[in-house]
C-alpha atoms as a PDB file:
ATOM      1  CA  UNK A   1     -23.926 -11.867 -39.102  1.00  0.00           C
ATOM      2  CA  UNK A   2     -25.280  -8.767 -38.126  1.00  0.00           C
ATOM      3  CA  UNK A   3     -24.419  -8.907 -34.501  1.00  0.00           C
ATOM      4  CA  UNK A   4     -20.857  -9.856 -35.450  1.00  0.00           C
ATOM      5  CA  UNK A   5     -20.650  -6.738 -37.641  1.00  0.00           C
ATOM      6  CA  UNK A   6     -21.841  -4.370 -34.821  1.00  0.00           C
ATOM      7  CA  UNK A   7     -19.461  -5.989 -32.285  1.00  0.00           C
ATOM      8  CA  UNK A   8     -16.644  -5.517 -34.860  1.00  0.00           C
ATOM      9  CA  UNK A   9     -17.560  -1.868 -35.559  1.00  0.00           C
ATOM     10  CA  UNK A  10     -18.093  -0.997 -31.898  1.00  0.00           C
ATOM     11  CA  UNK A  11     -14.976  -2.985 -30.921  1.00  0.00           C
ATOM     12  CA  UNK A  12     -12.504  -1.365 -33.539  1.00  0.00           C
ATOM     13  CA  UNK A  13     -13.809   1.878 -32.761  1.00  0.00           C
ATOM     14  CA  UNK A  14     -13.463   1.883 -29.086  1.00  0.00           C
ATOM     15  CA  UNK A  15     -10.402  -0.609 -28.526  1.00  0.00           C
ATOM     16  CA  UNK A  16      -7.689   2.303 -27.678  1.00  0.00           C
ATOM     17  CA  UNK A  17     -10.135   3.744 -24.970  1.00  0.00           C
ATOM     18  CA  UNK A  18     -10.802  -0.007 -23.608  1.00  0.00           C
ATOM     19  CA  UNK A  19      -6.969  -0.503 -23.586  1.00  0.00           C
ATOM     20  CA  UNK A  20      -6.388   2.757 -21.773  1.00  0.00           C
ATOM     21  CA  UNK A  21      -9.251   1.862 -19.332  1.00  0.00           C
ATOM     22  CA  UNK A  22      -7.729  -1.253 -18.776  1.00  0.00           C
ATOM     23  CA  UNK A  23      -4.424   0.513 -17.956  1.00  0.00           C
ATOM     24  CA  UNK A  24      -6.177   2.682 -15.079  1.00  0.00           C
ATOM     25  CA  UNK A  25      -7.227  -0.929 -13.653  1.00  0.00           C
ATOM     26  CA  UNK A  26      -4.210  -3.255 -14.161  1.00  0.00           C
ATOM     27  CA  UNK A  27      -0.495  -2.380 -14.123  1.00  0.00           C
ATOM     28  CA  UNK A  28       1.059  -5.434 -15.791  1.00  0.00           C
ATOM     29  CA  UNK A  29       0.630  -5.751 -19.409  1.00  0.00           C
ATOM     30  CA  UNK A  30      -0.789  -9.201 -19.524  1.00  0.00           C
ATOM     31  CA  UNK A  31      -3.386  -8.186 -17.035  1.00  0.00           C
ATOM     32  CA  UNK A  32      -4.232  -5.182 -19.031  1.00  0.00           C
ATOM     33  CA  UNK A  33      -4.521  -7.735 -22.240  1.00  0.00           C
ATOM     34  CA  UNK A  34      -6.717  -9.973 -20.091  1.00  0.00           C
ATOM     35  CA  UNK A  35      -8.935  -7.483 -18.885  1.00  0.00           C
ATOM     36  CA  UNK A  36      -9.645  -5.929 -22.482  1.00  0.00           C
ATOM     37  CA  UNK A  37     -10.337  -9.412 -23.501  1.00  0.00           C
ATOM     38  CA  UNK A  38     -12.925  -9.844 -20.684  1.00  0.00           C
ATOM     39  CA  UNK A  39     -14.354  -6.518 -21.508  1.00  0.00           C
ATOM     40  CA  UNK A  40     -14.967  -7.550 -24.934  1.00  0.00           C
ATOM     41  CA  UNK A  41     -16.563 -11.041 -23.977  1.00  0.00           C
ATOM     42  CA  UNK A  42     -18.994  -8.859 -21.885  1.00  0.00           C
ATOM     43  CA  UNK A  43     -19.754  -6.532 -24.803  1.00  0.00           C
ATOM     44  CA  UNK A  44     -20.487  -9.482 -27.322  1.00  0.00           C
ATOM     45  CA  UNK A  45     -22.734 -11.063 -24.527  1.00  0.00           C
ATOM     46  CA  UNK A  46     -24.776  -7.640 -24.000  1.00  0.00           C
ATOM     47  CA  UNK A  47     -24.937  -6.566 -27.523  1.00  0.00           C
ATOM     48  CA  UNK A  48     -27.982  -8.335 -28.337  1.00  0.00           C
ATOM     49  CA  UNK A  49     -29.739  -6.444 -25.175  1.00  0.00           C
ATOM     50  CA  UNK A  50     -28.578  -3.098 -26.241  1.00  0.00           C
ATOM     51  CA  UNK A  51     -32.069  -0.934 -27.026  1.00  0.00           C
ATOM     52  CA  UNK A  52     -30.018   2.328 -27.673  1.00  0.00           C
ATOM     53  CA  UNK A  53     -31.759   4.010 -24.769  1.00  0.00           C
ATOM     54  CA  UNK A  54     -28.408   5.406 -23.691  1.00  0.00           C
ATOM     55  CA  UNK A  55     -25.637   6.340 -26.006  1.00  0.00           C
ATOM     56  CA  UNK A  56     -23.640   3.706 -27.470  1.00  0.00           C
ATOM     57  CA  UNK A  57     -20.561   5.178 -25.979  1.00  0.00           C
ATOM     58  CA  UNK A  58     -22.150   5.334 -22.418  1.00  0.00           C
ATOM     59  CA  UNK A  59     -23.422   1.805 -22.612  1.00  0.00           C
ATOM     60  CA  UNK A  60     -19.926   0.599 -23.590  1.00  0.00           C
ATOM     61  CA  UNK A  61     -18.280   2.451 -20.887  1.00  0.00           C
ATOM     62  CA  UNK A  62     -20.893   0.954 -18.202  1.00  0.00           C
ATOM     63  CA  UNK A  63     -20.243  -2.451 -19.102  1.00  0.00           C
ATOM     64  CA  UNK A  64     -16.716  -1.838 -19.147  1.00  0.00           C
ATOM     65  CA  UNK A  65     -16.187  -0.318 -16.175  1.00  0.00           C
ATOM     66  CA  UNK A  66     -18.356  -3.041 -14.616  1.00  0.00           C
ATOM     67  CA  UNK A  67     -15.864  -5.676 -15.879  1.00  0.00           C
ATOM     68  CA  UNK A  68     -13.009  -3.740 -14.892  1.00  0.00           C
ATOM     69  CA  UNK A  69     -14.160  -3.138 -11.235  1.00  0.00           C
ATOM     70  CA  UNK A  70     -15.108  -6.615 -10.955  1.00  0.00           C
ATOM     71  CA  UNK A  71     -11.538  -7.823 -12.455  1.00  0.00           C
ATOM     72  CA  UNK A  72      -9.940  -5.230  -9.923  1.00  0.00           C
ATOM     73  CA  UNK A  73     -11.473  -6.837  -6.812  1.00  0.00           C
ATOM     74  CA  UNK A  74     -10.386 -10.255  -7.742  1.00  0.00           C
ATOM     75  CA  UNK A  75      -6.893  -8.819  -8.721  1.00  0.00           C
ATOM     76  CA  UNK A  76      -6.772  -7.472  -5.010  1.00  0.00           C
ATOM     77  CA  UNK A  77      -8.038 -10.658  -3.201  1.00  0.00           C
ATOM     78  CA  UNK A  78      -5.220 -12.278  -5.366  1.00  0.00           C
ATOM     79  CA  UNK A  79      -2.217  -9.701  -4.240  1.00  0.00           C
ATOM     80  CA  UNK A  80      -3.054 -10.550  -0.875  1.00  0.00           C
ATOM     81  CA  UNK A  81      -2.285 -13.900  -1.171  1.00  0.00           C
ATOM     82  CA  UNK A  82       0.920 -13.373  -3.283  1.00  0.00           C
ATOM     83  CA  UNK A  83       3.459 -10.588  -3.987  1.00  0.00           C
ATOM     84  CA  UNK A  84       3.810  -9.825  -7.647  1.00  0.00           C
ATOM     85  CA  UNK A  85       7.158  -8.059  -9.051  1.00  0.00           C
ATOM     86  CA  UNK A  86       6.872  -4.694 -10.331  1.00  0.00           C
ATOM     87  CA  UNK A  87       6.268  -4.863 -14.256  1.00  0.00           C
ATOM     88  CA  UNK A  88       9.496  -4.255 -16.499  1.00  0.00           C
ATOM     89  CA  UNK A  89       9.813  -0.746 -17.527  1.00  0.00           C
ATOM     90  CA  UNK A  90       8.903  -0.554 -21.491  1.00  0.00           C
ATOM     91  CA  UNK A  91      11.842   1.188 -22.741  1.00  0.00           C
ATOM     92  CA  UNK A  92      11.377   3.306 -25.741  1.00  0.00           C
ATOM     93  CA  UNK A  93      13.976   2.394 -28.887  1.00  0.00           C
ATOM     94  CA  UNK A  94      17.090   4.291 -28.912  1.00  0.00           C
ATOM     95  CA  UNK A  95      17.082   7.835 -30.860  1.00  0.00           C
ATOM     96  CA  UNK A  96      17.339  11.464 -30.673  1.00  0.00           C
ATOM     97  CA  UNK A  97      14.246  11.571 -28.450  1.00  0.00           C
ATOM     98  CA  UNK A  98      14.711   8.209 -26.366  1.00  0.00           C
ATOM     99  CA  UNK A  99      15.333  10.723 -23.404  1.00  0.00           C
ATOM    100  CA  UNK A 100      11.910  12.445 -23.722  1.00  0.00           C
ATOM    101  CA  UNK A 101       9.937   9.475 -24.607  1.00  0.00           C
ATOM    102  CA  UNK A 102      11.274   7.779 -21.337  1.00  0.00           C
ATOM    103  CA  UNK A 103      10.358  10.699 -19.162  1.00  0.00           C
ATOM    104  CA  UNK A 104       6.991  10.949 -20.921  1.00  0.00           C
ATOM    105  CA  UNK A 105       6.631   7.157 -20.259  1.00  0.00           C
ATOM    106  CA  UNK A 106       7.650   7.508 -16.442  1.00  0.00           C
ATOM    107  CA  UNK A 107       5.021  10.410 -16.008  1.00  0.00           C
ATOM    108  CA  UNK A 108       2.473   8.121 -17.720  1.00  0.00           C
ATOM    109  CA  UNK A 109       3.296   5.215 -15.421  1.00  0.00           C
ATOM    110  CA  UNK A 110       3.200   7.545 -12.683  1.00  0.00           C
ATOM    111  CA  UNK A 111      -0.316   9.018 -13.484  1.00  0.00           C
ATOM    112  CA  UNK A 112      -2.017   5.441 -14.098  1.00  0.00           C
ATOM    113  CA  UNK A 113      -0.239   4.105 -10.818  1.00  0.00           C
ATOM    114  CA  UNK A 114      -1.950   7.006  -8.998  1.00  0.00           C
ATOM    115  CA  UNK A 115      -5.296   6.388 -10.816  1.00  0.00           C
ATOM    116  CA  UNK A 116      -5.138   2.768  -9.790  1.00  0.00           C
ATOM    117  CA  UNK A 117      -4.699   3.859  -5.841  1.00  0.00           C
ATOM    118  CA  UNK A 118      -7.999   5.733  -6.186  1.00  0.00           C
ATOM    119  CA  UNK A 119     -11.159   4.381  -4.758  1.00  0.00           C
ATOM    120  CA  UNK A 120     -13.112   2.641  -7.414  1.00  0.00           C
ATOM    121  CA  UNK A 121     -15.868   5.256  -8.046  1.00  0.00           C
ATOM    122  CA  UNK A 122     -13.216   7.747  -8.334  1.00  0.00           C
ATOM    123  CA  UNK A 123     -10.963   5.948 -10.819  1.00  0.00           C
ATOM    124  CA  UNK A 124     -14.239   5.158 -12.801  1.00  0.00           C
ATOM    125  CA  UNK A 125     -14.976   9.007 -12.984  1.00  0.00           C
ATOM    126  CA  UNK A 126     -11.451   9.893 -13.854  1.00  0.00           C
ATOM    127  CA  UNK A 127     -10.836   7.517 -16.677  1.00  0.00           C
ATOM    128  CA  UNK A 128     -14.213   8.301 -18.119  1.00  0.00           C
ATOM    129  CA  UNK A 129     -13.321  11.962 -17.843  1.00  0.00           C
ATOM    130  CA  UNK A 130      -9.997  11.391 -19.500  1.00  0.00           C
ATOM    131  CA  UNK A 131     -11.660   9.800 -22.285  1.00  0.00           C
ATOM    132  CA  UNK A 132     -13.608  12.843 -22.936  1.00  0.00           C
ATOM    133  CA  UNK A 133     -16.943  12.266 -21.380  1.00  0.00           C
ATOM    134  CA  UNK A 134     -18.749  15.219 -20.133  1.00  0.00           C
ATOM    135  CA  UNK A 135     -20.410  15.135 -16.802  1.00  0.00           C
ATOM    136  CA  UNK A 136     -23.787  14.441 -18.061  1.00  0.00           C
ATOM    137  CA  UNK A 137     -22.301  11.250 -19.918  1.00  0.00           C
ATOM    138  CA  UNK A 138     -20.518  10.282 -16.809  1.00  0.00           C
ATOM    139  CA  UNK A 139     -23.749  10.498 -15.026  1.00  0.00           C
ATOM    140  CA  UNK A 140     -25.495   8.231 -17.528  1.00  0.00           C
ATOM    141  CA  UNK A 141     -22.705   5.616 -17.006  1.00  0.00           C
ATOM    142  CA  UNK A 142     -22.420   5.908 -13.149  1.00  0.00           C
ATOM    143  CA  UNK A 143     -25.511   6.918 -11.928  1.00  0.00           C
ATOM    144  CA  UNK A 144     -23.737   9.784 -10.080  1.00  0.00           C
ATOM    145  CA  UNK A 145     -25.388  13.367 -10.303  1.00  0.00           C
ATOM    146  CA  UNK A 146     -23.389  15.367 -12.676  1.00  0.00           C
ATOM    147  CA  UNK A 147     -22.891  18.247 -10.095  1.00  0.00           C
ATOM    148  CA  UNK A 148     -21.329  15.576  -7.974  1.00  0.00           C
ATOM    149  CA  UNK A 149     -19.296  14.216 -10.714  1.00  0.00           C
ATOM    150  CA  UNK A 150     -17.862  18.072 -11.212  1.00  0.00           C
ATOM    151  CA  UNK A 151     -17.207  18.387  -7.666  1.00  0.00           C
ATOM    152  CA  UNK A 152     -15.639  14.752  -7.209  1.00  0.00           C
ATOM    153  CA  UNK A 153     -13.520  15.697 -10.291  1.00  0.00           C
ATOM    154  CA  UNK A 154     -11.773  18.716  -8.536  1.00  0.00           C
ATOM    155  CA  UNK A 155     -11.163  16.383  -5.374  1.00  0.00           C
ATOM    156  CA  UNK A 156      -9.671  13.720  -7.601  1.00  0.00           C
ATOM    157  CA  UNK A 157      -7.400  15.927  -9.460  1.00  0.00           C
ATOM    158  CA  UNK A 158      -5.883  17.156  -6.018  1.00  0.00           C
ATOM    159  CA  UNK A 159      -5.739  13.410  -4.888  1.00  0.00           C
ATOM    160  CA  UNK A 160      -3.693  12.639  -8.260  1.00  0.00           C
ATOM    161  CA  UNK A 161      -1.422  15.774  -7.649  1.00  0.00           C
ATOM    162  CA  UNK A 162      -0.706  14.764  -4.070  1.00  0.00           C
ATOM    163  CA  UNK A 163       0.017  11.211  -5.275  1.00  0.00           C
ATOM    164  CA  UNK A 164       2.226  12.005  -7.779  1.00  0.00           C
ATOM    165  CA  UNK A 165       4.279  14.537  -5.782  1.00  0.00           C
ATOM    166  CA  UNK A 166       4.597  11.655  -3.392  1.00  0.00           C
ATOM    167  CA  UNK A 167       5.913   9.300  -5.848  1.00  0.00           C
ATOM    168  CA  UNK A 168       8.457  11.993  -7.248  1.00  0.00           C
ATOM    169  CA  UNK A 169       9.593  12.474  -3.833  1.00  0.00           C
ATOM    170  CA  UNK A 170      10.216   8.871  -3.678  1.00  0.00           C
ATOM    171  CA  UNK A 171       7.923   7.691  -0.833  1.00  0.00           C
ATOM    172  CA  UNK A 172       5.679   5.655  -3.179  1.00  0.00           C
ATOM    173  CA  UNK A 173       2.327   6.354  -1.466  1.00  0.00           C
END
């Protein structure tokens, strides 16, 4: 029962972050949901081996990103075999702020699309940074030196700016 309680506590605490992480690796809602389930299963399997040598958060992100990277590789192989349609835009409910909500959603989609377009290690660093991890914590998850993480973040920001500008201009890179 202790394992179940620990798992539920961890999962409930980090579920929103895991959903955001999944959004950086999968565009379609169904794929994101599947990825979160795969991460949850991996956490369940890994929980007995957790020895608290790293913070719970860095341990969780290490597992989550390993699962997400593996899933992204599988997805890319699948996409090479078949072309999937663009997922439909989740339209906000009609109301006074509907236009603003729609614009915010489109900006979020462009950001996630740009993040999904990054190399796997850059995507991992970006998602961890967006989740509020420090460069030292990102080092603990990825094994990339803290100074190198800071340097990469600067370069990644520029890549994302360029990708978003390209999408806004309509060339879809």
